[in-house]
N, C-alpha and C. Protein backbone atom coordinates (compact mmCIF):
# COMPACT_ATOMS: atom_id res chain seq x y z
N MET A 1 18.25 -7.83 -13.40
CA MET A 1 17.13 -8.27 -11.67
C MET A 1 17.17 -9.77 -10.48
N ALA A 2 17.53 -9.42 -9.64
CA ALA A 2 17.83 -10.70 -8.70
C ALA A 2 16.45 -11.10 -8.27
N LEU A 3 16.30 -12.39 -8.48
CA LEU A 3 14.81 -13.24 -8.73
C LEU A 3 14.78 -13.78 -6.84
N SER A 4 13.61 -13.72 -6.65
CA SER A 4 13.68 -14.39 -5.10
C SER A 4 14.03 -15.62 -4.87
N ARG A 5 13.97 -16.00 -4.15
CA ARG A 5 14.83 -17.73 -3.53
C ARG A 5 13.26 -18.92 -4.46
N ALA A 6 12.73 -17.69 -4.06
CA ALA A 6 10.72 -18.86 -5.25
C ALA A 6 10.77 -18.83 -6.35
N ALA A 7 10.70 -17.34 -6.83
CA ALA A 7 10.77 -17.36 -8.06
C ALA A 7 11.72 -17.62 -8.79
N ALA A 8 12.99 -18.59 -8.86
CA ALA A 8 14.01 -19.07 -9.06
C ALA A 8 13.75 -20.62 -9.55
N GLY A 9 12.89 -20.51 -7.70
CA GLY A 9 12.41 -22.22 -8.15
C GLY A 9 11.73 -22.49 -8.75
N VAL A 10 10.90 -21.70 -9.49
CA VAL A 10 9.55 -21.89 -9.86
C VAL A 10 10.34 -21.40 -11.91
N LEU A 11 11.31 -20.67 -11.76
CA LEU A 11 11.71 -20.75 -12.90
C LEU A 11 12.64 -21.73 -13.25
N ARG A 12 13.16 -22.68 -13.23
CA ARG A 12 14.23 -23.84 -13.07
C ARG A 12 13.51 -25.18 -13.39
N PHE A 13 12.99 -24.73 -15.30
CA PHE A 13 13.32 -26.02 -16.74
C PHE A 13 13.38 -26.81 -15.91
N SER A 14 15.06 -26.94 -15.67
CA SER A 14 14.90 -28.59 -15.82
C SER A 14 14.66 -29.41 -14.57
N GLU A 15 14.29 -28.87 -13.90
CA GLU A 15 12.65 -29.22 -12.65
C GLU A 15 11.78 -29.90 -12.73
N GLU A 16 10.61 -30.55 -12.05
CA GLU A 16 9.90 -30.56 -12.31
C GLU A 16 9.12 -30.05 -11.51
N ARG A 17 7.95 -29.26 -11.65
CA ARG A 17 6.92 -28.25 -11.09
C ARG A 17 5.62 -28.06 -10.70
N ASP A 18 4.89 -27.58 -9.68
CA ASP A 18 3.68 -28.28 -9.69
C ASP A 18 2.68 -26.75 -9.78
N PRO A 19 1.84 -27.25 -11.54
CA PRO A 19 1.39 -26.57 -12.01
C PRO A 19 0.58 -25.76 -11.46
N ALA A 20 -0.17 -25.81 -10.36
CA ALA A 20 -0.89 -24.48 -9.51
C ALA A 20 -0.08 -23.75 -9.03
N VAL A 21 1.35 -24.22 -8.17
CA VAL A 21 2.30 -22.79 -8.00
C VAL A 21 3.07 -22.10 -9.21
N LEU A 22 3.08 -22.85 -10.60
CA LEU A 22 3.55 -21.93 -11.36
C LEU A 22 2.46 -20.67 -11.95
N ALA A 23 0.96 -21.51 -11.74
CA ALA A 23 -0.44 -20.52 -12.46
C ALA A 23 0.06 -19.37 -11.31
N ARG A 24 0.46 -20.11 -9.63
CA ARG A 24 0.47 -18.84 -9.22
C ARG A 24 0.76 -18.00 -9.01
N PHE A 25 2.45 -18.03 -9.66
CA PHE A 25 3.86 -17.55 -10.01
C PHE A 25 2.78 -16.55 -11.06
N VAL A 26 3.23 -17.01 -12.61
CA VAL A 26 2.03 -16.25 -13.48
C VAL A 26 1.14 -14.96 -12.72
N ARG A 27 0.39 -15.68 -12.21
CA ARG A 27 -0.47 -14.85 -11.82
C ARG A 27 -0.47 -13.80 -11.28
N LEU A 28 0.36 -14.15 -9.79
CA LEU A 28 0.46 -13.31 -9.15
C LEU A 28 2.23 -12.00 -9.94
N ARG A 29 2.64 -12.31 -10.98
CA ARG A 29 3.65 -11.49 -11.77
C ARG A 29 3.67 -10.92 -12.73
N VAL A 30 3.42 -11.84 -13.03
CA VAL A 30 2.80 -11.26 -14.36
C VAL A 30 1.54 -10.90 -14.91
N THR A 31 0.47 -11.93 -14.59
CA THR A 31 -1.22 -10.94 -14.81
C THR A 31 -2.09 -10.50 -14.27
N ASP A 32 -1.55 -10.55 -12.98
CA ASP A 32 -2.46 -9.32 -12.14
C ASP A 32 -1.26 -9.04 -10.46
N PRO A 33 0.25 -8.25 -11.85
CA PRO A 33 0.78 -8.50 -10.22
C PRO A 33 0.42 -7.25 -9.79
N GLU A 34 -0.73 -6.35 -9.51
CA GLU A 34 -1.09 -4.98 -8.86
C GLU A 34 -2.19 -5.54 -7.70
N GLY A 35 -3.50 -6.35 -8.34
CA GLY A 35 -4.86 -7.00 -7.89
C GLY A 35 -3.51 -7.78 -6.29
N ALA A 36 -2.63 -8.59 -7.22
CA ALA A 36 -1.76 -9.04 -5.79
C ALA A 36 -1.23 -8.55 -4.93
N TYR A 37 -0.94 -7.59 -5.27
CA TYR A 37 0.35 -6.50 -4.32
C TYR A 37 -1.24 -5.97 -3.64
N ARG A 38 -2.28 -5.95 -3.58
CA ARG A 38 -3.40 -5.46 -2.96
C ARG A 38 -3.85 -6.08 -2.49
N ARG A 39 -3.62 -8.07 -2.72
CA ARG A 39 -4.78 -8.49 -2.13
C ARG A 39 -3.13 -9.11 -0.47
N ARG A 40 -2.22 -8.88 -0.82
CA ARG A 40 -0.99 -8.63 0.36
C ARG A 40 -1.49 -7.80 1.20
N GLY A 41 -1.44 -6.62 0.54
CA GLY A 41 -1.64 -5.76 1.98
C GLY A 41 -2.72 -5.92 2.59
N ILE A 42 -3.63 -6.25 1.77
CA ILE A 42 -4.82 -6.52 2.31
C ILE A 42 -4.68 -7.67 3.33
N GLU A 43 -4.03 -8.02 3.25
CA GLU A 43 -3.62 -9.80 4.13
C GLU A 43 -2.71 -9.17 5.35
N ALA A 44 -2.16 -8.55 5.05
CA ALA A 44 -1.01 -7.72 5.57
C ALA A 44 -2.21 -7.34 7.21
N ALA A 45 -3.06 -7.31 6.64
CA ALA A 45 -2.94 -5.22 7.41
C ALA A 45 -4.22 -6.21 7.99
N ARG A 46 -5.05 -7.68 8.09
CA ARG A 46 -5.91 -8.25 8.63
C ARG A 46 -4.75 -9.06 9.08
N ARG A 47 -3.45 -9.10 9.41
CA ARG A 47 -2.52 -10.16 10.04
C ARG A 47 -2.12 -9.05 10.49
N TRP A 48 -1.67 -8.19 11.21
CA TRP A 48 -1.47 -6.59 11.80
C TRP A 48 -2.53 -5.97 12.50
N LEU A 49 -3.27 -5.90 12.21
CA LEU A 49 -4.27 -6.56 13.45
C LEU A 49 -4.69 -7.02 14.12
N ARG A 50 -4.49 -8.43 14.24
CA ARG A 50 -4.74 -9.80 14.47
C ARG A 50 -3.56 -9.73 15.54
N GLU A 51 -2.42 -8.87 15.19
CA GLU A 51 -0.48 -9.42 16.23
C GLU A 51 -0.89 -8.58 17.58
N THR A 52 -1.50 -7.19 16.34
CA THR A 52 -1.23 -5.99 17.14
C THR A 52 -1.95 -5.95 18.75
N GLY A 53 -3.79 -6.61 17.95
CA GLY A 53 -4.23 -6.21 18.78
C GLY A 53 -5.52 -5.07 18.58
N ASN A 54 -5.17 -4.46 18.18
CA ASN A 54 -5.68 -3.15 17.45
C ASN A 54 -6.84 -2.89 16.77
N THR A 55 -7.88 -2.46 16.96
CA THR A 55 -9.06 -2.06 16.42
C THR A 55 -9.61 -1.61 15.17
N VAL A 56 -8.47 -0.49 15.49
CA VAL A 56 -8.52 0.18 13.89
C VAL A 56 -7.56 0.08 13.24
N LEU A 57 -6.74 0.31 11.76
CA LEU A 57 -6.31 -0.05 10.86
C LEU A 57 -5.40 1.81 11.04
N ARG A 58 -4.03 1.61 11.68
CA ARG A 58 -3.50 2.72 12.30
C ARG A 58 -2.19 2.55 12.27
N VAL A 59 -2.18 2.68 11.33
CA VAL A 59 0.04 2.11 11.01
C VAL A 59 0.65 2.73 10.48
N PRO A 60 1.25 3.56 11.74
CA PRO A 60 2.87 3.73 11.27
C PRO A 60 3.77 3.60 9.62
N TYR A 61 4.27 4.81 8.92
CA TYR A 61 3.93 4.51 7.79
C TYR A 61 5.77 3.34 7.67
N PRO A 62 6.22 3.40 9.04
CA PRO A 62 7.93 2.58 8.72
C PRO A 62 7.75 1.28 8.52
N VAL A 63 6.34 1.22 8.85
CA VAL A 63 5.95 -0.17 9.29
C VAL A 63 5.99 -1.16 7.73
N VAL A 64 6.91 -3.09 8.62
CA VAL A 64 7.38 -3.88 7.58
C VAL A 64 7.23 -4.68 8.19
N THR A 65 6.03 -5.63 7.73
CA THR A 65 5.89 -6.89 7.64
C THR A 65 6.74 -7.87 8.81
N PRO A 66 7.63 -8.93 9.68
CA PRO A 66 7.96 -9.33 10.48
C PRO A 66 8.09 -10.22 8.82
N GLU A 67 9.41 -10.63 9.05
CA GLU A 67 9.83 -11.57 7.59
C GLU A 67 8.89 -12.71 7.90
N ASP A 68 9.07 -13.08 9.39
CA ASP A 68 8.32 -14.63 9.49
C ASP A 68 6.99 -15.17 8.98
N TRP A 69 6.29 -13.97 9.05
CA TRP A 69 4.67 -13.82 8.64
C TRP A 69 4.42 -14.46 7.77
N GLY A 70 5.31 -15.41 6.92
CA GLY A 70 4.69 -16.18 5.94
C GLY A 70 4.66 -15.28 4.60
N GLU A 71 3.73 -15.34 3.46
CA GLU A 71 3.27 -15.14 2.69
C GLU A 71 3.32 -13.30 2.84
N VAL A 72 3.27 -12.83 3.78
CA VAL A 72 3.36 -10.92 3.57
C VAL A 72 3.90 -10.89 4.78
N GLY A 73 4.93 -11.31 4.83
CA GLY A 73 6.28 -10.92 5.17
C GLY A 73 6.84 -10.09 4.51
N GLY A 74 7.57 -8.98 5.21
CA GLY A 74 8.85 -8.33 4.31
C GLY A 74 7.36 -7.10 3.78
N TYR A 75 6.42 -7.01 3.85
CA TYR A 75 5.47 -6.20 2.57
C TYR A 75 5.72 -4.85 3.53
N PRO A 76 5.80 -3.60 2.05
CA PRO A 76 5.48 -2.21 3.51
C PRO A 76 4.62 -1.92 3.43
N LEU A 77 4.13 -2.23 4.39
CA LEU A 77 2.28 -1.98 5.62
C LEU A 77 2.66 -0.62 5.23
N GLY A 78 3.06 0.41 5.91
CA GLY A 78 2.82 1.50 6.37
C GLY A 78 2.90 2.43 5.00
N GLN A 79 3.82 2.10 4.35
CA GLN A 79 3.76 2.77 3.09
C GLN A 79 1.96 2.41 1.95
N TRP A 80 1.74 1.01 2.34
CA TRP A 80 0.68 0.68 1.57
C TRP A 80 -0.53 1.90 2.17
N ILE A 81 -0.54 1.59 2.94
CA ILE A 81 -1.57 2.19 4.35
C ILE A 81 -1.54 3.79 3.37
N ALA A 82 -0.02 3.77 3.27
CA ALA A 82 -0.38 5.93 2.81
C ALA A 82 -0.75 6.08 2.03
N GLU A 83 -0.56 5.19 1.23
CA GLU A 83 -0.75 4.81 -0.42
C GLU A 83 -2.22 4.74 -0.57
N GLN A 84 -3.17 3.99 0.53
CA GLN A 84 -4.90 4.32 0.20
C GLN A 84 -5.16 5.08 0.43
N ARG A 85 -4.31 6.16 1.53
CA ARG A 85 -5.02 7.17 2.26
C ARG A 85 -5.12 8.36 1.11
N ARG A 86 -3.75 8.52 0.70
CA ARG A 86 -3.26 9.62 -0.36
C ARG A 86 -5.09 9.24 -1.75
N ALA A 87 -5.19 7.48 -1.77
CA ALA A 87 -5.93 7.23 -3.51
C ALA A 87 -6.95 7.49 -2.50
N TYR A 88 -7.27 7.46 -1.42
CA TYR A 88 -8.78 8.13 -0.91
C TYR A 88 -9.11 9.51 -0.42
N THR A 89 -8.57 10.04 -0.32
CA THR A 89 -8.32 10.98 0.09
C THR A 89 -8.15 12.21 -1.68
N THR A 90 -8.08 11.35 -3.06
CA THR A 90 -7.88 12.03 -3.86
C THR A 90 -8.95 11.07 -5.12
N LYS A 91 -10.08 10.11 -4.07
CA LYS A 91 -10.90 9.62 -4.94
C LYS A 91 -10.58 9.15 -5.99
N THR A 92 -9.69 8.51 -6.27
CA THR A 92 -9.13 7.03 -7.12
C THR A 92 -8.83 6.02 -6.33
N LEU A 93 -9.58 5.74 -4.88
CA LEU A 93 -9.83 4.61 -4.14
C LEU A 93 -11.06 3.93 -4.87
N GLU A 94 -11.84 2.58 -5.93
CA GLU A 94 -12.31 1.90 -6.12
C GLU A 94 -13.09 2.17 -4.70
N ALA A 95 -14.38 2.28 -5.35
CA ALA A 95 -16.10 1.94 -3.78
C ALA A 95 -15.66 0.45 -3.02
N GLY A 96 -14.86 -0.31 -4.79
CA GLY A 96 -14.96 -1.96 -3.11
C GLY A 96 -14.15 -2.21 -2.44
N ARG A 97 -12.94 -0.87 -2.50
CA ARG A 97 -11.60 -1.01 -2.04
C ARG A 97 -11.50 -0.44 -0.62
N VAL A 98 -12.37 0.69 -0.70
CA VAL A 98 -13.81 1.04 0.79
C VAL A 98 -13.92 0.60 1.53
N THR A 99 -14.71 -0.49 1.21
CA THR A 99 -15.41 -0.72 1.83
C THR A 99 -14.56 -2.40 2.20
N GLU A 100 -14.30 -1.99 1.24
CA GLU A 100 -12.90 -3.72 1.67
C GLU A 100 -11.97 -2.52 3.64
N LEU A 101 -11.63 -1.29 3.06
CA LEU A 101 -10.39 -0.62 3.41
C LEU A 101 -11.51 -0.73 5.10
N GLU A 102 -12.62 -0.21 5.53
CA GLU A 102 -12.97 0.16 6.29
C GLU A 102 -13.70 -1.04 7.24
N LYS A 103 -14.11 -2.01 6.31
CA LYS A 103 -14.46 -3.37 7.37
C LYS A 103 -13.20 -4.18 8.32
N LEU A 104 -11.86 -3.43 7.60
CA LEU A 104 -10.40 -3.40 8.61
C LEU A 104 -10.69 -2.26 9.17
N GLY A 105 -10.97 -1.36 9.20
CA GLY A 105 -10.88 -0.25 10.43
C GLY A 105 -9.93 1.02 10.43
N MET A 106 -10.22 1.43 8.58
CA MET A 106 -8.45 2.10 8.30
C MET A 106 -8.79 3.11 8.69
N VAL A 107 -7.72 3.86 9.19
CA VAL A 107 -7.62 5.51 9.89
C VAL A 107 -8.28 5.81 7.66
N ARG A 108 -9.18 6.84 8.19
CA ARG A 108 -8.34 7.35 6.81
C ARG A 108 -7.44 8.62 6.57
N SER A 109 -7.61 9.27 8.37
CA SER A 109 -7.33 10.93 8.25
C SER A 109 -6.37 10.85 9.33
N GLU A 110 -5.29 10.54 9.11
CA GLU A 110 -3.80 10.64 10.55
C GLU A 110 -4.34 11.78 11.24
N GLN A 111 -4.25 12.63 10.84
CA GLN A 111 -4.58 14.54 11.49
C GLN A 111 -5.55 14.48 11.79
N ASP A 112 -6.60 13.85 11.64
CA ASP A 112 -8.08 13.58 12.56
C ASP A 112 -7.69 12.69 13.28
N ALA A 113 -7.31 11.15 13.35
CA ALA A 113 -7.62 10.61 14.71
C ALA A 113 -6.54 11.62 15.46
N ALA A 114 -5.17 11.99 15.61
CA ALA A 114 -4.30 12.37 15.62
C ALA A 114 -5.07 12.87 17.01
N TRP A 115 -6.12 14.72 16.22
CA TRP A 115 -6.58 15.73 16.66
C TRP A 115 -8.41 14.49 18.01
N ALA A 116 -8.58 13.58 17.65
CA ALA A 116 -9.75 12.84 18.17
C ALA A 116 -8.76 12.55 19.58
N ASP A 117 -7.86 11.33 19.44
CA ASP A 117 -6.71 11.43 20.55
C ASP A 117 -6.86 12.50 21.79
N GLY A 118 -6.45 13.47 21.15
CA GLY A 118 -5.79 14.14 22.27
C GLY A 118 -7.37 15.08 22.81
N ILE A 119 -8.18 15.40 21.76
CA ILE A 119 -9.33 15.51 22.40
C ILE A 119 -9.85 14.45 23.57
N ALA A 120 -9.43 13.51 23.54
CA ALA A 120 -9.83 12.17 23.96
C ALA A 120 -8.72 12.17 25.54
N VAL A 121 -7.85 11.99 25.44
CA VAL A 121 -6.59 13.01 26.47
C VAL A 121 -6.75 13.80 26.98
N ALA A 122 -7.58 14.68 26.29
CA ALA A 122 -7.30 16.46 27.33
C ALA A 122 -8.63 16.54 28.08
N LYS A 123 -9.76 15.42 27.80
CA LYS A 123 -11.19 15.91 28.67
C LYS A 123 -10.75 14.81 29.96
N GLU A 124 -10.09 13.25 29.76
CA GLU A 124 -9.56 12.44 31.16
C GLU A 124 -8.36 13.63 31.64
N TYR A 125 -8.41 15.01 31.33
CA TYR A 125 -6.83 15.10 32.22
C TYR A 125 -7.73 16.13 33.05
N ALA A 126 -8.54 16.84 32.13
CA ALA A 126 -9.27 17.94 32.23
C ALA A 126 -10.33 17.77 34.11
N ALA A 127 -10.74 16.18 33.81
CA ALA A 127 -11.96 15.32 35.01
C ALA A 127 -10.55 15.17 36.09
N ALA A 128 -9.08 14.44 35.53
CA ALA A 128 -8.74 14.44 37.41
C ALA A 128 -8.08 15.67 37.69
N HIS A 129 -8.39 17.18 37.68
CA HIS A 129 -6.63 17.76 37.36
C HIS A 129 -8.29 19.03 38.29
N GLY A 130 -9.39 18.77 37.32
CA GLY A 130 -10.16 19.23 37.71
C GLY A 130 -10.26 21.24 36.76
N HIS A 131 -9.25 21.59 35.66
CA HIS A 131 -8.69 22.06 35.24
C HIS A 131 -8.41 21.59 33.78
N PHE A 132 -8.16 22.45 32.81
CA PHE A 132 -6.90 22.27 31.76
C PHE A 132 -6.19 23.40 31.38
N LEU A 133 -5.25 22.91 32.14
CA LEU A 133 -3.73 24.26 31.81
C LEU A 133 -2.70 23.27 32.52
N PRO A 134 -2.34 22.44 31.84
CA PRO A 134 -1.56 21.49 31.94
C PRO A 134 0.11 21.82 31.41
N PRO A 135 1.17 21.55 32.25
CA PRO A 135 2.13 22.30 31.37
C PRO A 135 2.62 21.43 30.57
N THR A 136 3.56 22.47 29.35
CA THR A 136 3.75 22.15 28.68
C THR A 136 3.94 21.15 28.74
N THR A 137 5.14 20.46 29.54
CA THR A 137 6.14 19.21 30.17
C THR A 137 5.03 18.36 30.38
N ALA A 138 3.65 18.24 30.43
CA ALA A 138 3.33 17.44 31.50
C ALA A 138 2.94 16.49 30.03
N VAL A 139 2.00 15.27 30.82
CA VAL A 139 2.43 13.84 29.94
C VAL A 139 1.21 12.80 30.86
N TRP A 140 -0.10 12.64 30.08
CA TRP A 140 -1.16 12.14 30.74
C TRP A 140 -1.71 10.47 29.85
N ASP A 141 -1.02 9.53 30.34
CA ASP A 141 -1.50 8.13 29.86
C ASP A 141 -0.85 7.72 28.49
N GLY A 142 0.78 8.62 28.48
CA GLY A 142 1.16 8.73 27.69
C GLY A 142 1.91 9.21 26.88
N HIS A 143 0.66 10.37 26.53
CA HIS A 143 -0.10 10.86 25.21
C HIS A 143 0.86 12.95 25.48
N PRO A 144 1.77 13.12 25.70
CA PRO A 144 2.55 14.66 25.84
C PRO A 144 1.86 15.37 25.37
N ILE A 145 0.32 15.49 26.21
CA ILE A 145 -0.29 16.74 26.50
C ILE A 145 -0.64 17.66 26.90
N GLY A 146 0.87 18.27 27.69
CA GLY A 146 1.33 19.66 27.66
C GLY A 146 0.92 19.88 26.76
N MET A 147 2.29 19.63 25.65
CA MET A 147 2.77 19.49 24.24
C MET A 147 1.26 20.15 23.09
N TRP A 148 0.57 19.31 23.49
CA TRP A 148 -0.56 18.58 22.55
C TRP A 148 -1.38 20.31 22.15
N ALA A 149 -1.61 20.83 24.28
CA ALA A 149 -2.35 21.83 24.09
C ALA A 149 -1.78 23.84 23.95
N LYS A 150 -0.50 23.34 24.16
CA LYS A 150 0.46 24.46 23.64
C LYS A 150 0.23 24.73 21.69
N ASN A 151 0.56 23.82 21.23
CA ASN A 151 0.20 23.26 19.55
C ASN A 151 -1.25 24.39 19.36
N ALA A 152 -2.41 22.84 20.20
CA ALA A 152 -3.32 23.67 19.65
C ALA A 152 -3.67 25.25 19.93
N ARG A 153 -3.77 25.48 21.15
CA ARG A 153 -3.72 27.14 21.34
C ARG A 153 -3.35 28.12 20.27
N ALA A 154 -2.05 27.57 19.41
CA ALA A 154 -1.16 28.11 19.22
C ALA A 154 -1.12 27.68 18.10
N ALA A 155 -2.65 26.89 16.94
CA ALA A 155 -3.01 27.46 15.35
C ALA A 155 -4.28 27.72 15.55
N ALA A 156 -4.91 27.96 16.64
CA ALA A 156 -6.53 28.97 17.52
C ALA A 156 -5.65 29.90 16.63
N ARG A 157 -5.06 29.76 17.75
CA ARG A 157 -5.30 31.55 17.30
C ARG A 157 -4.34 31.58 16.34
N LYS A 158 -3.58 31.40 15.24
CA LYS A 158 -3.21 31.53 14.23
C LYS A 158 -4.63 31.56 13.27
N ALA A 159 -4.78 31.23 13.61
CA ALA A 159 -6.47 30.73 12.55
C ALA A 159 -6.93 32.02 12.89
N ARG A 160 -7.37 32.77 14.16
CA ARG A 160 -8.12 33.64 14.33
C ARG A 160 -7.54 34.58 13.90
N GLU A 161 -6.48 35.09 13.53
CA GLU A 161 -4.97 36.02 12.91
C GLU A 161 -5.71 35.94 11.43
N ASN A 162 -5.66 34.50 10.65
CA ASN A 162 -5.66 35.11 9.87
C ASN A 162 -7.26 34.89 9.30
N GLU A 163 -8.33 34.48 9.80
CA GLU A 163 -9.57 34.91 10.17
C GLU A 163 -9.18 36.42 9.33
N GLU A 164 -9.08 37.96 10.38
CA GLU A 164 -9.53 39.17 10.92
C GLU A 164 -7.98 39.48 9.71
N LEU A 165 -7.59 38.93 9.18
CA LEU A 165 -6.90 39.30 8.10
C LEU A 165 -7.52 39.26 6.79
N ARG A 166 -8.13 38.71 6.59
CA ARG A 166 -9.29 37.96 5.49
C ARG A 166 -10.46 39.17 5.62
N ALA A 167 -10.66 39.15 6.50
CA ALA A 167 -11.77 40.20 6.92
C ALA A 167 -11.25 41.50 6.28
N ALA A 168 -10.08 41.83 7.15
CA ALA A 168 -9.80 43.81 6.88
C ALA A 168 -9.69 43.16 4.72
N VAL A 169 -8.48 42.47 4.23
CA VAL A 169 -8.29 42.71 2.65
C VAL A 169 -10.17 42.63 2.26
N LEU A 170 -10.72 42.15 2.38
CA LEU A 170 -12.39 42.15 2.12
C LEU A 170 -12.67 43.10 2.39
N CYS A 171 -12.63 44.09 3.54
CA CYS A 171 -13.10 45.38 3.50
C CYS A 171 -11.68 46.22 2.68
N GLY A 172 -11.70 46.26 2.12
CA GLY A 172 -10.39 46.89 1.58
C GLY A 172 -9.63 47.94 2.90
N ARG A 173 -9.41 46.99 3.79
CA ARG A 173 -8.62 47.83 4.70
C ARG A 173 -7.03 47.19 4.35
N ARG A 174 -6.07 48.00 4.71
CA ARG A 174 -4.49 47.41 4.56
C ARG A 174 -5.11 46.10 5.92
N PRO A 175 -4.42 45.22 5.93
CA PRO A 175 -3.87 44.87 7.12
C PRO A 175 -3.21 45.88 8.59
N GLY A 176 -3.07 45.02 9.47
CA GLY A 176 -2.63 46.08 10.88
C GLY A 176 -3.34 47.27 11.21
N ARG A 177 -4.40 48.35 10.62
CA ARG A 177 -4.50 49.71 10.41
C ARG A 177 -6.04 49.20 11.75
């Protein structure tokens, strides 16, 4: 297993080392690696919010923090956020961590957030055009509102068909009759 440059420096026993650095190394890698990883995640999230100017913690999955961000450089922030969402959904995220993430503006459900964004853009589009019948190719404020509307209508139609099918089965009828 390859060691990082910092770890190799700490583990070089032929040189004098700062006891505080050695203690931090042991705590980070030996005593509490999961806690340290979480703390790095929180700090990376704070830095990402500052750097991007966002007010909510909605980080795309592939985001890795830039290497020049010091201690949190190269951190897989998008993956970490996705893991926090999964833990929240399965109710395995400790209450203190939930509170900590909520203070940062954590988006719990990407699907709910995307739906809310779509509704907001749809309202703007309808207000500007006097209707909500965008062509499939319509883009409003950088949002593909035409495709969003098409998909939303298709999902509603499919949900209605599924509900009718359920009702038919519950009543003892064969579907399609």
